């Protein structure tokens, strides 16, 4: 039975001695979150989030989140153009681990709803670049995981082998992934500080009168590590409208050496989420998860049309700026059966969003995109007119008011996000 918000809030005083709790409310998706979560209001007006884990996996995640938030010192936070939740403390609730953090204001959005153009997409790309620009000492000093390009490559090979050993991966996918892992050109990158798998819902938004929706906070730091920067761009496979603009803004804001294959690796990592889901189900001996993953993999394989990731890499990433177009090829019956509770403490939007879009938004989120948001698209090169690149779209915009129109569209999207709980 899920613990009540009042029970969770009472535990805050153990993590923060002397705190006076004056109110409590739930903060988790109804029945979907892996954590019992709540918001505690203190007498001084502060609002804190408390999450409690009841199994070893989620307890490890909370421990990693606590370590990561403490690793982000005041100096590191000053380098970021957005807020990061403050670590408040930890405690035990019965036999379970509990983590208390600052609650950040803002709205979140699912990947498929992120609009193209100036505003949210650009701000997200810039935010990811800012994380990747953090000094490696942030990770190394805290003893967090640090992986070289070869380490990442080895992990990919291991995942592919484990998935293939289940006998449920189509042969063409196994061949595709192994060829990508063997392509030296894909793995010539410089490790960076990463979130370890950003999602669209890692970002909290507010509306800026001049720039439109912008990222004001980032949550979900439990996988903070040093590794492949492509891992934080893999979610773009589920953002068909915004993918090109997010990646263009990321590239523009990044001070790192050019990485022509980053989009290809991001695409590969997105595809491998299906393999991870399969391996997870197999490890738990859950036939329902295995069957769901196998159906998704079959759909992915069917949509490949013989595309070769290694060939795309040789073209310098040409044709990679759009997503895998998941929902067009994933069967609805498979999508509806996938249980993503193994991945996310997906807070209920009704707890995060006020019904009045003109009111001050208040909320926090720590969520990942549904695995069914990932599928396959045509990886073949396209004509410039079809590419969806920022340059192409800029040529297609009317003279004079193109930027303003994009900003209005992004702001309209924010209004939709903030009022979605009443629809």
Protein backbone atom coordinates (compact mmCIF):
# COMPACT_ATOMS: atom_id res chain seq x y z
CA UNK A 1 0.00 0.00 0.00
CA UNK A 2 1.32 3.44 -0.93
CA UNK A 3 2.21 5.67 1.99
CA UNK A 4 0.17 8.81 2.47
CA UNK A 5 1.60 12.24 1.75
CA UNK A 6 1.33 13.09 5.46
CA UNK A 7 3.33 10.01 6.46
CA UNK A 8 6.05 10.90 3.96
CA UNK A 9 6.10 14.57 4.98
CA UNK A 10 6.52 13.64 8.62
CA UNK A 11 9.78 11.89 7.71
CA UNK A 12 11.21 15.19 6.48
CA UNK A 13 11.92 16.21 10.07
CA UNK A 14 14.31 13.26 10.38
CA UNK A 15 16.26 14.37 7.31
CA UNK A 16 16.13 18.05 8.31
CA UNK A 17 16.21 18.33 12.11
CA UNK A 18 14.29 21.31 13.40
CA UNK A 19 12.09 21.60 10.32
CA UNK A 20 8.44 22.46 10.98
CA UNK A 21 6.16 20.81 8.44
CA UNK A 22 2.88 22.67 7.93
CA UNK A 23 1.44 20.89 4.91
CA UNK A 24 1.74 17.93 2.58
CA UNK A 25 0.49 16.82 -0.81
CA UNK A 26 1.16 13.89 -3.15
CA UNK A 27 3.85 14.09 -5.80
CA UNK A 28 3.84 11.01 -8.00
CA UNK A 29 1.99 9.48 -10.93
CA UNK A 30 -1.01 7.50 -9.76
CA UNK A 31 0.12 3.90 -9.63
CA UNK A 32 3.00 4.37 -12.09
CA UNK A 33 5.86 5.75 -10.01
CA UNK A 34 8.48 3.49 -8.52
CA UNK A 35 8.72 5.74 -5.47
CA UNK A 36 6.26 6.91 -2.88
CA UNK A 37 6.59 10.68 -3.27
CA UNK A 38 5.21 13.77 -1.60
CA UNK A 39 5.73 17.51 -1.21
CA UNK A 40 6.21 18.88 2.29
CA UNK A 41 5.56 22.57 2.99
CA UNK A 42 7.64 24.09 5.77
CA UNK A 43 6.74 26.92 8.11
CA UNK A 44 9.31 29.16 6.41
CA UNK A 45 7.50 28.72 3.07
CA UNK A 46 9.93 26.30 1.48
CA UNK A 47 8.64 23.24 -0.34
CA UNK A 48 10.60 20.01 -0.29
CA UNK A 49 10.18 16.79 -2.25
CA UNK A 50 10.56 13.47 -0.47
CA UNK A 51 10.90 10.15 -2.27
CA UNK A 52 10.95 6.72 -0.67
CA UNK A 53 12.16 3.52 -2.35
CA UNK A 54 10.97 0.05 -1.41
CA UNK A 55 13.37 -2.17 -3.36
CA UNK A 56 17.07 -2.44 -3.95
CA UNK A 57 17.00 -0.96 -7.45
CA UNK A 58 15.18 2.22 -6.51
CA UNK A 59 17.18 2.53 -3.29
CA UNK A 60 20.38 2.50 -5.37
CA UNK A 61 18.90 5.17 -7.62
CA UNK A 62 18.11 7.42 -4.66
CA UNK A 63 21.62 6.90 -3.30
CA UNK A 64 23.08 7.85 -6.69
CA UNK A 65 20.85 10.92 -6.89
CA UNK A 66 21.98 12.05 -3.45
CA UNK A 67 25.63 11.60 -4.37
CA UNK A 68 25.20 13.47 -7.65
CA UNK A 69 23.38 16.45 -6.10
CA UNK A 70 26.09 16.77 -3.48
CA UNK A 71 28.75 16.58 -6.19
CA UNK A 72 27.22 19.66 -7.83
CA UNK A 73 28.94 22.22 -5.66
CA UNK A 74 28.07 25.91 -5.65
CA UNK A 75 30.84 26.48 -8.18
CA UNK A 76 29.49 23.83 -10.56
CA UNK A 77 25.92 25.12 -10.20
CA UNK A 78 27.09 28.63 -11.02
CA UNK A 79 28.23 27.35 -14.42
CA UNK A 80 24.73 26.17 -15.31
CA UNK A 81 22.08 28.50 -16.80
CA UNK A 82 19.31 26.75 -14.85
CA UNK A 83 18.58 25.53 -11.34
CA UNK A 84 19.35 22.10 -9.93
CA UNK A 85 17.50 20.75 -6.86
CA UNK A 86 19.38 21.21 -3.63
CA UNK A 87 20.18 18.13 -1.59
CA UNK A 88 18.46 18.47 1.80
CA UNK A 89 19.04 15.16 3.51
CA UNK A 90 18.37 11.44 3.76
CA UNK A 91 16.59 9.26 6.27
CA UNK A 92 14.86 5.90 6.67
CA UNK A 93 11.15 5.28 6.65
CA UNK A 94 10.81 1.83 8.15
CA UNK A 95 13.22 -0.32 6.18
CA UNK A 96 13.15 2.01 3.17
CA UNK A 97 15.54 4.70 2.04
CA UNK A 98 14.17 8.25 1.75
CA UNK A 99 15.70 11.26 -0.02
CA UNK A 100 14.63 14.85 0.58
CA UNK A 101 15.44 17.55 -1.97
CA UNK A 102 14.38 21.04 -2.88
CA UNK A 103 11.24 21.27 -5.03
CA UNK A 104 11.72 23.31 -8.20
CA UNK A 105 9.03 25.35 -9.92
CA UNK A 106 8.26 24.78 -13.59
CA UNK A 107 6.38 22.82 -16.19
CA UNK A 108 7.50 19.70 -18.02
CA UNK A 109 6.59 18.42 -21.48
CA UNK A 110 6.63 15.10 -23.26
CA UNK A 111 9.11 14.76 -26.12
CA UNK A 112 6.51 14.49 -28.88
CA UNK A 113 4.99 17.82 -27.80
CA UNK A 114 8.17 19.91 -27.86
CA UNK A 115 7.66 22.46 -30.66
CA UNK A 116 10.27 23.37 -33.23
CA UNK A 117 11.83 26.80 -33.46
CA UNK A 118 12.94 29.47 -31.06
CA UNK A 119 12.05 28.90 -27.42
CA UNK A 120 11.83 25.50 -25.79
CA UNK A 121 13.85 23.52 -28.35
CA UNK A 122 16.72 25.98 -28.43
CA UNK A 123 16.76 26.30 -24.65
CA UNK A 124 16.88 22.52 -24.23
CA UNK A 125 19.83 22.21 -26.59
CA UNK A 126 21.68 24.95 -24.73
CA UNK A 127 20.93 23.32 -21.38
CA UNK A 128 22.35 19.97 -22.49
CA UNK A 129 25.47 21.71 -23.81
CA UNK A 130 25.90 23.44 -20.43
CA UNK A 131 25.82 20.11 -18.60
CA UNK A 132 28.38 18.68 -21.00
CA UNK A 133 30.62 21.70 -20.42
CA UNK A 134 30.98 20.98 -16.69
CA UNK A 135 34.53 20.04 -15.69
CA UNK A 136 35.28 16.32 -15.41
CA UNK A 137 36.40 16.95 -11.83
CA UNK A 138 32.73 17.24 -10.82
CA UNK A 139 32.32 13.55 -11.58
CA UNK A 140 35.77 12.27 -10.72
CA UNK A 141 35.92 14.12 -7.40
CA UNK A 142 32.71 12.48 -6.23
CA UNK A 143 33.73 9.02 -7.35
CA UNK A 144 30.92 8.84 -9.89
CA UNK A 145 31.18 6.54 -12.94
CA UNK A 146 33.65 7.66 -15.61
CA UNK A 147 33.72 5.91 -18.99
CA UNK A 148 35.99 6.34 -21.97
CA UNK A 149 34.74 5.91 -25.52
CA UNK A 150 36.08 2.36 -25.49
CA UNK A 151 34.30 1.63 -22.21
CA UNK A 152 31.00 2.80 -23.72
CA UNK A 153 31.62 0.73 -26.82
CA UNK A 154 32.31 -2.37 -24.72
CA UNK A 155 29.08 -1.84 -22.76
CA UNK A 156 27.13 -1.56 -26.01
CA UNK A 157 28.59 -4.82 -27.27
CA UNK A 158 27.69 -6.53 -23.99
CA UNK A 159 24.11 -5.27 -24.15
CA UNK A 160 23.70 -6.47 -27.73
CA UNK A 161 25.09 -9.90 -26.83
CA UNK A 162 22.79 -10.24 -23.81
CA UNK A 163 19.76 -9.22 -25.84
CA UNK A 164 20.66 -11.55 -28.70
CA UNK A 165 21.10 -14.46 -26.29
CA UNK A 166 17.38 -14.32 -25.48
CA UNK A 167 16.58 -15.40 -29.02
CA UNK A 168 13.98 -12.62 -29.33
CA UNK A 169 15.97 -10.03 -31.30
CA UNK A 170 15.49 -10.02 -35.10
CA UNK A 171 18.71 -10.98 -36.85
CA UNK A 172 18.84 -7.77 -38.85
CA UNK A 173 18.93 -5.73 -35.63
CA UNK A 174 21.68 -7.84 -34.11
CA UNK A 175 23.75 -7.43 -37.27
CA UNK A 176 23.01 -3.69 -37.45
CA UNK A 177 24.02 -3.05 -33.85
CA UNK A 178 27.14 -5.19 -33.99
CA UNK A 179 28.29 -3.48 -37.17
CA UNK A 180 27.78 -0.10 -35.49
CA UNK A 181 29.76 -1.25 -32.44
CA UNK A 182 32.58 -2.38 -34.75
CA UNK A 183 32.72 0.90 -36.69
CA UNK A 184 35.72 2.80 -35.33
CA UNK A 185 34.47 6.10 -36.75
CA UNK A 186 31.46 6.09 -34.45
CA UNK A 187 33.52 5.87 -31.30
CA UNK A 188 36.01 8.69 -31.74
CA UNK A 189 34.56 11.05 -29.15
CA UNK A 190 35.70 12.89 -26.05
CA UNK A 191 33.91 11.87 -22.86
CA UNK A 192 31.81 14.57 -21.23
CA UNK A 193 29.88 15.10 -18.01
CA UNK A 194 26.39 13.84 -18.81
CA UNK A 195 23.04 13.33 -17.13
CA UNK A 196 23.43 9.76 -18.24
CA UNK A 197 20.24 9.75 -20.27
CA UNK A 198 18.37 13.05 -20.33
CA UNK A 199 14.70 12.97 -21.30
CA UNK A 200 12.41 15.80 -22.36
CA UNK A 201 10.87 15.58 -18.91
CA UNK A 202 14.24 16.23 -17.31
CA UNK A 203 13.67 19.90 -18.14
CA UNK A 204 11.44 22.35 -16.27
CA UNK A 205 10.15 25.39 -18.15
CA UNK A 206 8.98 28.92 -17.52
CA UNK A 207 7.85 31.51 -20.05
CA UNK A 208 10.28 34.29 -20.92
CA UNK A 209 8.63 37.46 -22.32
CA UNK A 210 11.43 37.89 -24.87
CA UNK A 211 12.60 34.39 -25.72
CA UNK A 212 9.49 32.26 -25.15
CA UNK A 213 9.56 29.04 -23.07
CA UNK A 214 12.98 28.44 -21.58
CA UNK A 215 14.57 25.86 -19.33
CA UNK A 216 14.71 27.07 -15.73
CA UNK A 217 15.51 23.80 -14.00
CA UNK A 218 16.81 20.29 -14.66
CA UNK A 219 15.91 17.24 -12.57
CA UNK A 220 16.88 13.58 -12.67
CA UNK A 221 20.59 13.59 -11.83
CA UNK A 222 20.90 10.01 -10.55
CA UNK A 223 22.91 8.86 -13.60
CA UNK A 224 25.39 11.76 -13.54
CA UNK A 225 28.62 10.42 -14.99
CA UNK A 226 31.45 10.94 -17.43
CA UNK A 227 30.74 9.26 -20.75
CA UNK A 228 29.23 9.55 -24.22
CA UNK A 229 27.48 12.93 -24.73
CA UNK A 230 25.15 11.20 -27.21
CA UNK A 231 23.32 9.57 -24.31
CA UNK A 232 21.66 12.91 -23.49
CA UNK A 233 20.46 13.35 -27.08
CA UNK A 234 18.93 9.90 -27.59
CA UNK A 235 15.50 11.17 -26.46
CA UNK A 236 15.32 13.29 -29.61
CA UNK A 237 14.21 10.13 -31.40
CA UNK A 238 10.81 10.79 -29.82
CA UNK A 239 10.74 14.52 -30.66
CA UNK A 240 10.12 14.69 -34.42
CA UNK A 241 9.24 18.39 -34.49
CA UNK A 242 12.01 19.71 -32.28
CA UNK A 243 14.89 17.28 -32.83
CA UNK A 244 16.74 19.31 -35.46
CA UNK A 245 16.49 22.57 -33.52
CA UNK A 246 17.53 21.00 -30.21
CA UNK A 247 20.57 19.40 -31.81
CA UNK A 248 21.46 22.57 -33.75
CA UNK A 249 21.26 24.64 -30.56
CA UNK A 250 23.34 22.04 -28.74
CA UNK A 251 26.03 22.10 -31.43
CA UNK A 252 26.07 25.89 -31.52
CA UNK A 253 26.38 26.21 -27.73
CA UNK A 254 28.90 23.41 -27.31
CA UNK A 255 32.52 24.36 -26.89
CA UNK A 256 33.61 20.80 -27.46
CA UNK A 257 35.49 19.37 -30.43
CA UNK A 258 33.18 18.60 -33.38
CA UNK A 259 31.62 15.15 -33.18
CA UNK A 260 30.09 14.29 -36.56
CA UNK A 261 28.85 10.91 -35.33
CA UNK A 262 27.03 12.08 -32.20
CA UNK A 263 23.65 11.97 -33.92
CA UNK A 264 24.27 8.45 -35.16
CA UNK A 265 25.25 7.23 -31.70
CA UNK A 266 22.21 8.95 -30.20
CA UNK A 267 20.04 7.11 -32.70
CA UNK A 268 21.77 3.83 -31.88
CA UNK A 269 21.25 4.37 -28.15
CA UNK A 270 17.56 5.10 -28.74
CA UNK A 271 17.15 1.83 -30.61
CA UNK A 272 18.99 -0.03 -27.87
CA UNK A 273 16.37 1.05 -25.33
CA UNK A 274 14.27 -1.78 -26.74
CA UNK A 275 17.14 -4.16 -26.08
CA UNK A 276 17.47 -2.86 -22.53
CA UNK A 277 13.76 -3.43 -21.98
CA UNK A 278 14.12 -6.99 -23.28
CA UNK A 279 17.14 -7.72 -21.09
CA UNK A 280 15.35 -6.23 -18.08
CA UNK A 281 12.33 -8.48 -18.61
CA UNK A 282 14.50 -11.52 -19.16
CA UNK A 283 16.46 -10.86 -15.97
CA UNK A 284 13.22 -10.58 -13.98
CA UNK A 285 11.78 -13.64 -15.74
CA UNK A 286 8.79 -11.57 -16.77
CA UNK A 287 7.31 -13.09 -19.95
CA UNK A 288 4.97 -10.11 -20.34
CA UNK A 289 7.87 -7.65 -20.53
CA UNK A 290 9.86 -9.96 -22.80
CA UNK A 291 6.90 -10.33 -25.16
CA UNK A 292 6.32 -6.56 -25.23
CA UNK A 293 9.98 -5.90 -25.97
CA UNK A 294 10.05 -8.57 -28.68
CA UNK A 295 7.01 -7.04 -30.39
CA UNK A 296 8.64 -3.61 -30.31
CA UNK A 297 11.88 -5.02 -31.71
CA UNK A 298 9.99 -6.72 -34.54
CA UNK A 299 8.33 -3.41 -35.39
CA UNK A 300 11.67 -1.62 -35.28
CA UNK A 301 13.29 -4.19 -37.56
CA UNK A 302 10.41 -3.98 -40.02
CA UNK A 303 10.91 -0.24 -40.42
CA UNK A 304 14.65 -0.27 -41.06
CA UNK A 305 14.52 -0.56 -44.86
CA UNK A 306 18.09 -1.76 -44.95
CA UNK A 307 19.62 1.42 -43.51
CA UNK A 308 23.17 1.20 -42.23
CA UNK A 309 24.31 3.32 -39.29
CA UNK A 310 27.96 2.94 -40.27
CA UNK A 311 27.32 4.27 -43.77
CA UNK A 312 25.55 7.31 -42.33
CA UNK A 313 28.51 7.97 -40.07
CA UNK A 314 30.80 8.00 -43.10
CA UNK A 315 28.58 10.71 -44.61
CA UNK A 316 29.30 12.86 -41.57
CA UNK A 317 25.87 12.37 -40.02
CA UNK A 318 23.87 13.37 -43.12
CA UNK A 319 20.23 12.48 -42.70
CA UNK A 320 20.39 11.97 -38.96
CA UNK A 321 18.73 15.16 -37.70
CA UNK A 322 15.21 13.72 -37.60
CA UNK A 323 14.01 11.13 -35.08
CA UNK A 324 13.25 7.43 -35.26
CA UNK A 325 9.54 8.26 -35.78
CA UNK A 326 8.48 5.81 -33.11
CA UNK A 327 4.74 5.94 -32.96
CA UNK A 328 4.25 5.46 -36.70
CA UNK A 329 5.62 1.94 -36.58
CA UNK A 330 5.10 0.63 -33.05
CA UNK A 331 1.89 -1.41 -32.79
CA UNK A 332 -0.67 0.11 -30.41
CA UNK A 333 -1.21 -3.17 -28.62
CA UNK A 334 2.50 -3.34 -27.81
CA UNK A 335 2.65 0.27 -26.72
CA UNK A 336 -0.24 -0.06 -24.33
CA UNK A 337 1.28 -3.06 -22.62
CA UNK A 338 4.65 -1.60 -21.73
CA UNK A 339 5.16 -0.92 -18.04
CA UNK A 340 7.63 1.91 -17.65
CA UNK A 341 7.54 1.93 -13.87
CA UNK A 342 10.98 0.31 -13.92
CA UNK A 343 12.41 3.51 -15.28
CA UNK A 344 10.77 6.51 -13.78
CA UNK A 345 9.23 8.27 -10.87
CA UNK A 346 6.79 9.93 -13.25
CA UNK A 347 5.03 12.59 -11.28
CA UNK A 348 1.37 13.08 -12.09
CA UNK A 349 0.89 16.18 -14.27
CA UNK A 350 -2.25 16.95 -12.31
CA UNK A 351 -0.03 17.44 -9.28
CA UNK A 352 2.38 19.62 -11.24
CA UNK A 353 0.20 21.84 -13.39
CA UNK A 354 -2.34 24.44 -12.33
CA UNK A 355 -5.55 24.44 -14.35
CA UNK A 356 -5.28 28.16 -14.96
CA UNK A 357 -2.48 28.61 -17.49
CA UNK A 358 -2.10 32.24 -16.47
CA UNK A 359 -1.31 31.34 -12.86
CA UNK A 360 2.19 30.88 -11.53
CA UNK A 361 3.35 27.33 -12.39
CA UNK A 362 4.51 25.20 -9.50
CA UNK A 363 5.87 21.70 -9.74
CA UNK A 364 8.75 19.33 -10.06
CA UNK A 365 9.42 16.28 -12.13
CA UNK A 366 11.80 13.38 -12.37
CA UNK A 367 10.64 11.39 -15.34
CA UNK A 368 11.77 9.57 -18.45
CA UNK A 369 10.06 9.09 -21.77
CA UNK A 370 8.04 5.96 -22.39
CA UNK A 371 10.07 3.33 -24.23
CA UNK A 372 7.30 3.14 -26.80
CA UNK A 373 8.22 6.66 -27.88
CA UNK A 374 11.19 5.12 -29.68
CA UNK A 375 10.96 3.41 -33.03
CA UNK A 376 12.57 3.69 -36.43
CA UNK A 377 12.61 6.13 -39.32
CA UNK A 378 14.06 6.15 -42.79
CA UNK A 379 17.79 6.76 -42.31
CA UNK A 380 18.44 7.29 -45.98
CA UNK A 381 19.73 10.70 -47.11
CA UNK A 382 17.05 13.22 -48.04
CA UNK A 383 16.87 16.22 -50.31
CA UNK A 384 17.40 19.58 -48.66
CA UNK A 385 13.74 20.41 -49.11
CA UNK A 386 12.80 17.41 -47.00
CA UNK A 387 15.60 17.49 -44.49
CA UNK A 388 13.87 19.46 -41.77
CA UNK A 389 17.17 21.10 -40.95
CA UNK A 390 17.16 24.53 -39.28
CA UNK A 391 18.57 26.07 -42.45
CA UNK A 392 15.79 24.62 -44.60
CA UNK A 393 13.06 25.71 -42.25
CA UNK A 394 14.54 29.20 -42.07
CA UNK A 395 14.36 29.47 -45.87
CA UNK A 396 10.73 28.41 -45.78
CA UNK A 397 9.69 31.01 -43.19
CA UNK A 398 8.07 34.24 -44.37
CA UNK A 399 10.31 37.26 -44.49
CA UNK A 400 10.42 39.37 -41.35
CA UNK A 401 8.13 37.56 -38.96
CA UNK A 402 9.51 33.99 -39.01
CA UNK A 403 11.28 34.21 -35.65
CA UNK A 404 8.33 35.92 -34.02
CA UNK A 405 5.98 33.25 -35.36
CA UNK A 406 8.19 30.47 -34.02
CA UNK A 407 8.27 32.20 -30.64
CA UNK A 408 4.48 32.54 -30.62
CA UNK A 409 4.14 28.85 -31.47
CA UNK A 410 6.47 27.86 -28.65
CA UNK A 411 4.62 30.07 -26.19
CA UNK A 412 1.29 28.61 -27.33
CA UNK A 413 2.71 25.15 -26.70
CA UNK A 414 3.67 26.17 -23.18
CA UNK A 415 0.10 27.32 -22.59
CA UNK A 416 -1.14 23.93 -23.74
CA UNK A 417 1.28 22.14 -21.43
CA UNK A 418 0.26 24.20 -18.42
CA UNK A 419 -3.47 23.73 -18.99
CA UNK A 420 -3.36 20.08 -20.05
CA UNK A 421 -4.55 18.77 -16.70
CA UNK A 422 -7.95 20.33 -17.23
CA UNK A 423 -8.48 18.81 -20.68
